[in-house]
Amino acid sequence: MKLEKLNSTRYPERALTIPVAPNPYAIWLGRVQEMFPSYEWQLVALPVLAAAGLFMLFFLWREFNTRWERFLLLGSAALMALAVGLDFIEGLAFNHPLNVGAWFGSTFNFTIYSVKHFSKSLEEFLEMVAMSVLLMLFLHHLIYLSGPRLTLHFFNDPAEP
């Protein structure tokens, strides 16, 4: 059993020593984290977000009826997947074999800063385009569902200053 000392900065004379048993789940998760080459948030959140995205994709596929709407839906999903892939590559170590940015920088004589900067800019741009296309698609479908005319009414409450 390992002993771990809990130090107090305010009262160092009251520091505790408590026994800590090794947790097999923590050991397993630590090994998985060591094997994952990129950002840790992707290891934790990406499966949940990918499942939600696939659910949304299948649901919207059934909701949208025209080829153009479905094409924009798939295009938006593809742009978002490409942005997440670029984010994965961005989190890799410089000498990792999957790091395309390092290869690009060494092949075309760019600095590491330039490659990382433009990679982040491209990733954020793709995310914004994907979300803009998706929001435009939702607005187009809302207008389609509302019939020939969509009216919005804004009322001013006289009680507010």
N, C-alpha and C. Protein backbone atom coordinates (compact mmCIF):
# COMPACT_ATOMS: atom_id res chain seq x y z
N MET A 1 0.85 -1.18 0.00
CA MET A 1 0.00 0.00 0.00
C MET A 1 0.89 1.24 0.00
N LYS A 2 0.54 2.20 -0.78
CA LYS A 2 1.29 3.43 -0.93
C LYS A 2 0.80 4.46 0.09
N LEU A 3 1.72 5.21 0.66
CA LEU A 3 1.37 6.28 1.59
C LEU A 3 1.49 7.61 0.85
N GLU A 4 0.49 8.42 1.02
CA GLU A 4 0.48 9.72 0.37
C GLU A 4 0.36 10.78 1.45
N LYS A 5 1.23 11.78 1.37
CA LYS A 5 1.25 12.83 2.37
C LYS A 5 0.49 14.04 1.84
N LEU A 6 -0.51 14.47 2.59
CA LEU A 6 -1.28 15.65 2.23
C LEU A 6 -0.71 16.83 3.00
N ASN A 7 -0.11 17.76 2.30
CA ASN A 7 0.52 18.92 2.93
C ASN A 7 -0.43 20.09 2.97
N SER A 8 -0.33 20.83 4.01
CA SER A 8 -1.10 22.05 4.15
C SER A 8 -0.12 23.22 4.13
N THR A 9 -0.36 24.19 3.29
CA THR A 9 0.56 25.32 3.22
C THR A 9 0.36 26.28 4.39
N ARG A 10 -0.84 26.32 4.92
CA ARG A 10 -1.09 27.23 6.05
C ARG A 10 -0.58 26.65 7.36
N TYR A 11 -0.76 25.34 7.55
CA TYR A 11 -0.36 24.70 8.80
C TYR A 11 0.48 23.47 8.47
N PRO A 12 1.77 23.62 8.19
CA PRO A 12 2.59 22.47 7.81
C PRO A 12 2.72 21.43 8.93
N GLU A 13 2.53 21.84 10.17
CA GLU A 13 2.62 20.88 11.28
C GLU A 13 1.42 19.94 11.32
N ARG A 14 0.35 20.26 10.61
CA ARG A 14 -0.86 19.43 10.60
C ARG A 14 -0.94 18.55 9.34
N ALA A 15 0.17 18.34 8.65
CA ALA A 15 0.17 17.53 7.44
C ALA A 15 -0.24 16.10 7.78
N LEU A 16 -1.05 15.49 6.95
CA LEU A 16 -1.58 14.15 7.17
C LEU A 16 -0.86 13.15 6.28
N THR A 17 -0.74 11.95 6.77
CA THR A 17 -0.27 10.85 5.97
C THR A 17 -1.34 9.79 6.00
N ILE A 18 -1.94 9.52 4.82
CA ILE A 18 -3.02 8.55 4.76
C ILE A 18 -2.66 7.45 3.77
N PRO A 19 -3.10 6.23 4.04
CA PRO A 19 -2.83 5.17 3.07
C PRO A 19 -3.75 5.29 1.86
N VAL A 20 -3.19 5.08 0.67
CA VAL A 20 -3.94 5.16 -0.57
C VAL A 20 -3.76 3.83 -1.31
N ALA A 21 -4.87 3.14 -1.54
CA ALA A 21 -4.80 1.88 -2.27
C ALA A 21 -4.83 2.18 -3.77
N PRO A 22 -4.07 1.43 -4.56
CA PRO A 22 -4.11 1.67 -6.01
C PRO A 22 -5.45 1.28 -6.59
N ASN A 23 -6.02 2.15 -7.38
CA ASN A 23 -7.31 1.92 -8.00
C ASN A 23 -7.08 1.30 -9.39
N PRO A 24 -7.60 0.09 -9.64
CA PRO A 24 -7.34 -0.53 -10.94
C PRO A 24 -7.95 0.25 -12.11
N TYR A 25 -9.07 0.94 -11.89
CA TYR A 25 -9.67 1.73 -12.96
C TYR A 25 -8.79 2.93 -13.30
N ALA A 26 -8.23 3.55 -12.28
CA ALA A 26 -7.35 4.69 -12.52
C ALA A 26 -6.08 4.24 -13.25
N ILE A 27 -5.57 3.07 -12.91
CA ILE A 27 -4.39 2.55 -13.60
C ILE A 27 -4.72 2.27 -15.06
N TRP A 28 -5.88 1.65 -15.32
CA TRP A 28 -6.27 1.34 -16.69
C TRP A 28 -6.49 2.61 -17.50
N LEU A 29 -7.20 3.58 -16.90
CA LEU A 29 -7.43 4.84 -17.61
C LEU A 29 -6.14 5.60 -17.85
N GLY A 30 -5.21 5.51 -16.92
CA GLY A 30 -3.90 6.15 -17.12
C GLY A 30 -3.15 5.53 -18.28
N ARG A 31 -3.22 4.22 -18.42
CA ARG A 31 -2.56 3.55 -19.55
C ARG A 31 -3.21 3.94 -20.88
N VAL A 32 -4.55 4.02 -20.90
CA VAL A 32 -5.24 4.43 -22.12
C VAL A 32 -4.85 5.87 -22.47
N GLN A 33 -4.77 6.73 -21.48
CA GLN A 33 -4.40 8.12 -21.71
C GLN A 33 -2.97 8.21 -22.24
N GLU A 34 -2.07 7.38 -21.75
CA GLU A 34 -0.69 7.40 -22.24
C GLU A 34 -0.61 6.93 -23.69
N MET A 35 -1.48 5.98 -24.08
CA MET A 35 -1.46 5.48 -25.45
C MET A 35 -2.08 6.47 -26.44
N PHE A 36 -2.99 7.32 -25.96
CA PHE A 36 -3.67 8.26 -26.86
C PHE A 36 -2.71 9.39 -27.19
N PRO A 37 -2.43 9.63 -28.48
CA PRO A 37 -1.36 10.57 -28.83
C PRO A 37 -1.76 12.04 -28.84
N SER A 38 -3.05 12.37 -28.81
CA SER A 38 -3.47 13.75 -28.99
C SER A 38 -4.06 14.31 -27.70
N TYR A 39 -4.90 15.34 -27.84
CA TYR A 39 -5.50 15.99 -26.67
C TYR A 39 -6.39 15.02 -25.89
N GLU A 40 -6.38 15.16 -24.56
CA GLU A 40 -7.16 14.26 -23.70
C GLU A 40 -8.66 14.50 -23.82
N TRP A 41 -9.06 15.73 -24.13
CA TRP A 41 -10.51 15.99 -24.22
C TRP A 41 -11.13 15.16 -25.32
N GLN A 42 -10.37 14.87 -26.37
CA GLN A 42 -10.91 14.07 -27.46
C GLN A 42 -11.16 12.63 -27.01
N LEU A 43 -10.31 12.14 -26.15
CA LEU A 43 -10.48 10.78 -25.64
C LEU A 43 -11.74 10.67 -24.78
N VAL A 44 -12.06 11.71 -24.05
CA VAL A 44 -13.20 11.68 -23.13
C VAL A 44 -14.49 12.12 -23.83
N ALA A 45 -14.46 13.26 -24.49
CA ALA A 45 -15.70 13.87 -24.99
C ALA A 45 -16.06 13.46 -26.41
N LEU A 46 -15.07 13.09 -27.21
CA LEU A 46 -15.36 12.83 -28.62
C LEU A 46 -16.32 11.68 -28.85
N PRO A 47 -16.23 10.55 -28.12
CA PRO A 47 -17.24 9.50 -28.35
C PRO A 47 -18.66 9.96 -28.05
N VAL A 48 -18.85 10.74 -27.01
CA VAL A 48 -20.19 11.24 -26.66
C VAL A 48 -20.67 12.22 -27.72
N LEU A 49 -19.80 13.14 -28.13
CA LEU A 49 -20.19 14.13 -29.13
C LEU A 49 -20.40 13.49 -30.50
N ALA A 50 -19.62 12.48 -30.83
CA ALA A 50 -19.80 11.77 -32.10
C ALA A 50 -21.13 11.03 -32.12
N ALA A 51 -21.50 10.41 -31.00
CA ALA A 51 -22.79 9.73 -30.93
C ALA A 51 -23.94 10.73 -31.07
N ALA A 52 -23.82 11.88 -30.41
CA ALA A 52 -24.86 12.91 -30.54
C ALA A 52 -24.92 13.44 -31.97
N GLY A 53 -23.77 13.62 -32.60
CA GLY A 53 -23.75 14.08 -33.98
C GLY A 53 -24.36 13.07 -34.94
N LEU A 54 -24.08 11.78 -34.73
CA LEU A 54 -24.69 10.76 -35.58
C LEU A 54 -26.19 10.69 -35.39
N PHE A 55 -26.65 10.83 -34.15
CA PHE A 55 -28.09 10.86 -33.89
C PHE A 55 -28.72 12.04 -34.61
N MET A 56 -28.09 13.20 -34.50
CA MET A 56 -28.62 14.39 -35.16
C MET A 56 -28.61 14.22 -36.68
N LEU A 57 -27.56 13.60 -37.21
CA LEU A 57 -27.47 13.38 -38.65
C LEU A 57 -28.59 12.47 -39.14
N PHE A 58 -28.84 11.36 -38.45
CA PHE A 58 -29.91 10.45 -38.85
C PHE A 58 -31.29 11.08 -38.69
N PHE A 59 -31.47 11.83 -37.60
CA PHE A 59 -32.77 12.48 -37.39
C PHE A 59 -33.04 13.52 -38.48
N LEU A 60 -32.04 14.35 -38.77
CA LEU A 60 -32.23 15.40 -39.77
C LEU A 60 -32.33 14.83 -41.18
N TRP A 61 -31.68 13.68 -41.42
CA TRP A 61 -31.79 13.04 -42.73
C TRP A 61 -33.24 12.67 -43.02
N ARG A 62 -33.94 12.22 -41.98
CA ARG A 62 -35.35 11.87 -42.14
C ARG A 62 -36.23 13.11 -42.24
N GLU A 63 -35.81 14.21 -41.64
CA GLU A 63 -36.61 15.43 -41.64
C GLU A 63 -36.47 16.20 -42.96
N PHE A 64 -35.26 16.26 -43.47
CA PHE A 64 -35.02 16.99 -44.72
C PHE A 64 -35.37 16.08 -45.90
N ASN A 65 -36.13 16.64 -46.85
CA ASN A 65 -36.65 15.82 -47.94
C ASN A 65 -35.94 16.04 -49.27
N THR A 66 -35.40 17.21 -49.50
CA THR A 66 -34.82 17.49 -50.80
C THR A 66 -33.36 17.07 -50.85
N ARG A 67 -32.87 16.86 -52.06
CA ARG A 67 -31.46 16.48 -52.24
C ARG A 67 -30.53 17.59 -51.77
N TRP A 68 -30.92 18.83 -52.06
CA TRP A 68 -30.07 19.96 -51.69
C TRP A 68 -29.92 20.06 -50.17
N GLU A 69 -30.99 19.89 -49.42
CA GLU A 69 -30.91 19.94 -47.96
C GLU A 69 -30.04 18.79 -47.43
N ARG A 70 -30.20 17.62 -47.98
CA ARG A 70 -29.39 16.47 -47.53
C ARG A 70 -27.93 16.66 -47.90
N PHE A 71 -27.69 17.22 -49.09
CA PHE A 71 -26.31 17.50 -49.50
C PHE A 71 -25.65 18.48 -48.54
N LEU A 72 -26.36 19.55 -48.18
CA LEU A 72 -25.81 20.53 -47.24
C LEU A 72 -25.61 19.91 -45.85
N LEU A 73 -26.51 19.04 -45.44
CA LEU A 73 -26.37 18.37 -44.15
C LEU A 73 -25.11 17.50 -44.13
N LEU A 74 -24.91 16.71 -45.17
CA LEU A 74 -23.71 15.87 -45.24
C LEU A 74 -22.44 16.71 -45.38
N GLY A 75 -22.54 17.80 -46.15
CA GLY A 75 -21.38 18.68 -46.28
C GLY A 75 -21.00 19.33 -44.96
N SER A 76 -21.98 19.75 -44.21
CA SER A 76 -21.72 20.34 -42.89
C SER A 76 -21.08 19.32 -41.95
N ALA A 77 -21.61 18.09 -41.95
CA ALA A 77 -21.04 17.05 -41.10
C ALA A 77 -19.61 16.71 -41.53
N ALA A 78 -19.35 16.69 -42.84
CA ALA A 78 -18.00 16.40 -43.33
C ALA A 78 -17.02 17.51 -42.94
N LEU A 79 -17.45 18.77 -43.04
CA LEU A 79 -16.57 19.87 -42.64
C LEU A 79 -16.27 19.82 -41.14
N MET A 80 -17.27 19.47 -40.33
CA MET A 80 -17.05 19.37 -38.89
C MET A 80 -16.09 18.21 -38.57
N ALA A 81 -16.26 17.08 -39.26
CA ALA A 81 -15.36 15.94 -39.04
C ALA A 81 -13.93 16.30 -39.46
N LEU A 82 -13.79 17.03 -40.55
CA LEU A 82 -12.46 17.46 -40.99
C LEU A 82 -11.83 18.40 -39.97
N ALA A 83 -12.62 19.28 -39.39
CA ALA A 83 -12.10 20.20 -38.37
C ALA A 83 -11.65 19.44 -37.13
N VAL A 84 -12.41 18.44 -36.72
CA VAL A 84 -12.01 17.64 -35.56
C VAL A 84 -10.74 16.84 -35.88
N GLY A 85 -10.64 16.36 -37.12
CA GLY A 85 -9.42 15.66 -37.53
C GLY A 85 -8.20 16.58 -37.49
N LEU A 86 -8.37 17.82 -37.94
CA LEU A 86 -7.27 18.78 -37.86
C LEU A 86 -6.91 19.09 -36.41
N ASP A 87 -7.90 19.14 -35.54
CA ASP A 87 -7.65 19.36 -34.13
C ASP A 87 -6.87 18.18 -33.54
N PHE A 88 -7.20 16.96 -33.97
CA PHE A 88 -6.46 15.78 -33.53
C PHE A 88 -5.01 15.86 -33.96
N ILE A 89 -4.77 16.25 -35.21
CA ILE A 89 -3.39 16.36 -35.72
C ILE A 89 -2.64 17.47 -35.00
N GLU A 90 -3.34 18.54 -34.65
CA GLU A 90 -2.71 19.65 -33.94
C GLU A 90 -2.19 19.22 -32.57
N GLY A 91 -2.88 18.28 -31.93
CA GLY A 91 -2.48 17.85 -30.60
C GLY A 91 -1.37 16.81 -30.58
N LEU A 92 -0.94 16.33 -31.74
CA LEU A 92 0.11 15.32 -31.80
C LEU A 92 1.47 15.94 -31.50
N ALA A 93 2.38 15.11 -31.02
CA ALA A 93 3.76 15.55 -30.82
C ALA A 93 4.37 15.85 -32.18
N PHE A 94 5.38 16.72 -32.19
CA PHE A 94 5.97 17.14 -33.46
C PHE A 94 6.60 15.98 -34.22
N ASN A 95 7.17 15.01 -33.50
CA ASN A 95 7.84 13.90 -34.16
C ASN A 95 6.93 12.69 -34.36
N HIS A 96 5.63 12.82 -34.12
CA HIS A 96 4.71 11.70 -34.31
C HIS A 96 4.54 11.43 -35.81
N PRO A 97 4.46 10.14 -36.20
CA PRO A 97 4.36 9.84 -37.64
C PRO A 97 3.08 10.33 -38.31
N LEU A 98 2.01 10.55 -37.55
CA LEU A 98 0.76 11.05 -38.13
C LEU A 98 0.69 12.57 -38.21
N ASN A 99 1.71 13.25 -37.74
CA ASN A 99 1.69 14.71 -37.72
C ASN A 99 1.98 15.25 -39.12
N VAL A 100 0.92 15.52 -39.85
CA VAL A 100 1.04 16.03 -41.21
C VAL A 100 1.59 17.45 -41.21
N GLY A 101 1.29 18.20 -40.16
CA GLY A 101 1.80 19.57 -40.08
C GLY A 101 3.31 19.63 -40.04
N ALA A 102 3.93 18.71 -39.31
CA ALA A 102 5.39 18.67 -39.25
C ALA A 102 5.97 18.32 -40.62
N TRP A 103 5.34 17.37 -41.30
CA TRP A 103 5.80 17.03 -42.64
C TRP A 103 5.65 18.21 -43.58
N PHE A 104 4.51 18.90 -43.51
CA PHE A 104 4.26 20.05 -44.37
C PHE A 104 5.28 21.14 -44.11
N GLY A 105 5.57 21.40 -42.84
CA GLY A 105 6.54 22.44 -42.50
C GLY A 105 7.94 22.12 -42.96
N SER A 106 8.35 20.86 -42.80
CA SER A 106 9.71 20.50 -43.22
C SER A 106 9.82 20.42 -44.74
N THR A 107 8.76 20.01 -45.42
CA THR A 107 8.81 19.89 -46.88
C THR A 107 8.83 21.25 -47.56
N PHE A 108 8.03 22.19 -47.08
CA PHE A 108 7.92 23.49 -47.75
C PHE A 108 8.63 24.61 -47.00
N ASN A 109 9.49 24.27 -46.05
CA ASN A 109 10.31 25.25 -45.31
C ASN A 109 9.50 26.29 -44.57
N PHE A 110 8.48 25.87 -43.84
CA PHE A 110 7.72 26.76 -42.98
C PHE A 110 8.16 26.56 -41.54
N THR A 111 8.03 27.60 -40.73
CA THR A 111 8.36 27.46 -39.32
C THR A 111 7.24 26.70 -38.61
N ILE A 112 7.56 26.17 -37.44
CA ILE A 112 6.56 25.44 -36.66
C ILE A 112 5.42 26.38 -36.28
N TYR A 113 5.77 27.62 -35.92
CA TYR A 113 4.75 28.59 -35.55
C TYR A 113 3.77 28.83 -36.70
N SER A 114 4.30 29.00 -37.91
CA SER A 114 3.43 29.26 -39.07
C SER A 114 2.49 28.10 -39.33
N VAL A 115 3.02 26.89 -39.26
CA VAL A 115 2.20 25.71 -39.52
C VAL A 115 1.10 25.59 -38.47
N LYS A 116 1.47 25.76 -37.19
CA LYS A 116 0.46 25.65 -36.12
C LYS A 116 -0.58 26.77 -36.23
N HIS A 117 -0.13 27.97 -36.53
CA HIS A 117 -1.06 29.10 -36.62
C HIS A 117 -2.08 28.89 -37.73
N PHE A 118 -1.61 28.53 -38.91
CA PHE A 118 -2.53 28.37 -40.02
C PHE A 118 -3.36 27.10 -39.90
N SER A 119 -2.83 26.09 -39.21
CA SER A 119 -3.62 24.89 -38.95
C SER A 119 -4.78 25.21 -38.02
N LYS A 120 -4.51 25.97 -36.97
CA LYS A 120 -5.59 26.38 -36.06
C LYS A 120 -6.60 27.28 -36.76
N SER A 121 -6.10 28.19 -37.60
CA SER A 121 -7.00 29.08 -38.33
C SER A 121 -7.89 28.30 -39.28
N LEU A 122 -7.30 27.33 -39.99
CA LEU A 122 -8.08 26.51 -40.91
C LEU A 122 -9.11 25.67 -40.17
N GLU A 123 -8.71 25.12 -39.03
CA GLU A 123 -9.65 24.30 -38.24
C GLU A 123 -10.83 25.14 -37.75
N GLU A 124 -10.56 26.31 -37.22
CA GLU A 124 -11.64 27.17 -36.74
C GLU A 124 -12.51 27.65 -37.90
N PHE A 125 -11.91 27.95 -39.04
CA PHE A 125 -12.67 28.36 -40.21
C PHE A 125 -13.62 27.25 -40.65
N LEU A 126 -13.14 26.01 -40.70
CA LEU A 126 -13.99 24.90 -41.10
C LEU A 126 -15.14 24.69 -40.12
N GLU A 127 -14.86 24.84 -38.83
CA GLU A 127 -15.94 24.73 -37.84
C GLU A 127 -17.00 25.81 -38.05
N MET A 128 -16.55 27.04 -38.31
CA MET A 128 -17.50 28.14 -38.51
C MET A 128 -18.31 27.95 -39.78
N VAL A 129 -17.69 27.49 -40.86
CA VAL A 129 -18.42 27.25 -42.10
C VAL A 129 -19.44 26.13 -41.89
N ALA A 130 -19.04 25.06 -41.20
CA ALA A 130 -19.96 23.94 -40.95
C ALA A 130 -21.16 24.39 -40.14
N MET A 131 -20.95 25.17 -39.10
CA MET A 131 -22.06 25.64 -38.28
C MET A 131 -22.91 26.65 -39.04
N SER A 132 -22.29 27.51 -39.85
CA SER A 132 -23.07 28.47 -40.64
C SER A 132 -23.95 27.76 -41.66
N VAL A 133 -23.42 26.74 -42.31
CA VAL A 133 -24.23 25.99 -43.28
C VAL A 133 -25.38 25.30 -42.56
N LEU A 134 -25.10 24.72 -41.40
CA LEU A 134 -26.15 24.03 -40.64
C LEU A 134 -27.24 25.00 -40.18
N LEU A 135 -26.84 26.17 -39.70
CA LEU A 135 -27.83 27.16 -39.27
C LEU A 135 -28.63 27.70 -40.45
N MET A 136 -27.98 27.90 -41.59
CA MET A 136 -28.69 28.34 -42.78
C MET A 136 -29.69 27.28 -43.23
N LEU A 137 -29.29 26.03 -43.10
CA LEU A 137 -30.17 24.92 -43.47
C LEU A 137 -31.39 24.86 -42.55
N PHE A 138 -31.18 25.09 -41.26
CA PHE A 138 -32.31 25.13 -40.32
C PHE A 138 -33.25 26.28 -40.65
N LEU A 139 -32.69 27.43 -40.96
CA LEU A 139 -33.53 28.58 -41.30
C LEU A 139 -34.30 28.33 -42.59
N HIS A 140 -33.66 27.74 -43.57
CA HIS A 140 -34.33 27.41 -44.83
C HIS A 140 -35.48 26.43 -44.57
N HIS A 141 -35.26 25.44 -43.74
CA HIS A 141 -36.30 24.46 -43.45
C HIS A 141 -37.44 25.07 -42.63
N LEU A 142 -37.10 26.00 -41.73
CA LEU A 142 -38.15 26.70 -40.98
C LEU A 142 -39.05 27.50 -41.91
N ILE A 143 -38.46 28.18 -42.86
CA ILE A 143 -39.25 28.94 -43.83
C ILE A 143 -40.10 28.00 -44.67
N TYR A 144 -39.54 26.86 -45.03
CA TYR A 144 -40.30 25.87 -45.81
C TYR A 144 -41.50 25.35 -45.01
N LEU A 145 -41.29 25.08 -43.72
CA LEU A 145 -42.38 24.55 -42.90
C LEU A 145 -43.44 25.59 -42.56
N SER A 146 -43.06 26.85 -42.58
CA SER A 146 -44.01 27.89 -42.17
C SER A 146 -44.98 28.26 -43.28
N GLY A 147 -44.79 27.72 -44.45
CA GLY A 147 -45.72 28.02 -45.53
C GLY A 147 -45.18 29.13 -46.41
N PRO A 148 -46.07 29.80 -47.11
CA PRO A 148 -45.62 30.81 -48.07
C PRO A 148 -45.06 32.07 -47.42
N ARG A 149 -45.37 32.26 -46.15
CA ARG A 149 -44.96 33.51 -45.52
C ARG A 149 -44.53 33.27 -44.09
N LEU A 150 -43.41 33.81 -43.72
CA LEU A 150 -42.92 33.74 -42.35
C LEU A 150 -42.91 35.14 -41.80
N THR A 151 -43.64 35.35 -40.72
CA THR A 151 -43.68 36.68 -40.11
C THR A 151 -43.19 36.58 -38.68
N LEU A 152 -42.41 37.55 -38.30
CA LEU A 152 -41.92 37.66 -36.93
C LEU A 152 -42.48 38.94 -36.35
N HIS A 153 -43.03 38.85 -35.15
CA HIS A 153 -43.60 40.02 -34.49
C HIS A 153 -42.81 40.29 -33.22
N PHE A 154 -42.30 41.50 -33.11
CA PHE A 154 -41.59 41.93 -31.92
C PHE A 154 -42.45 42.98 -31.23
N PHE A 155 -42.76 42.72 -29.99
CA PHE A 155 -43.59 43.65 -29.24
C PHE A 155 -42.74 44.33 -28.17
N ASN A 156 -42.96 45.61 -28.04
CA ASN A 156 -42.27 46.38 -27.03
C ASN A 156 -43.16 46.45 -25.80
N ASP A 157 -42.65 45.98 -24.68
CA ASP A 157 -43.40 46.03 -23.44
C ASP A 157 -43.28 47.44 -22.86
N PRO A 158 -44.39 48.19 -22.70
CA PRO A 158 -44.29 49.57 -22.20
C PRO A 158 -43.83 49.62 -20.74
N ALA A 159 -43.93 48.53 -20.01
CA ALA A 159 -43.52 48.54 -18.61
C ALA A 159 -42.01 48.56 -18.47
N GLU A 160 -41.27 48.11 -19.50
CA GLU A 160 -39.81 48.10 -19.43
C GLU A 160 -39.27 49.48 -19.73
N PRO A 161 -38.18 49.88 -19.07
CA PRO A 161 -37.61 51.22 -19.31
C PRO A 161 -36.91 51.31 -20.64
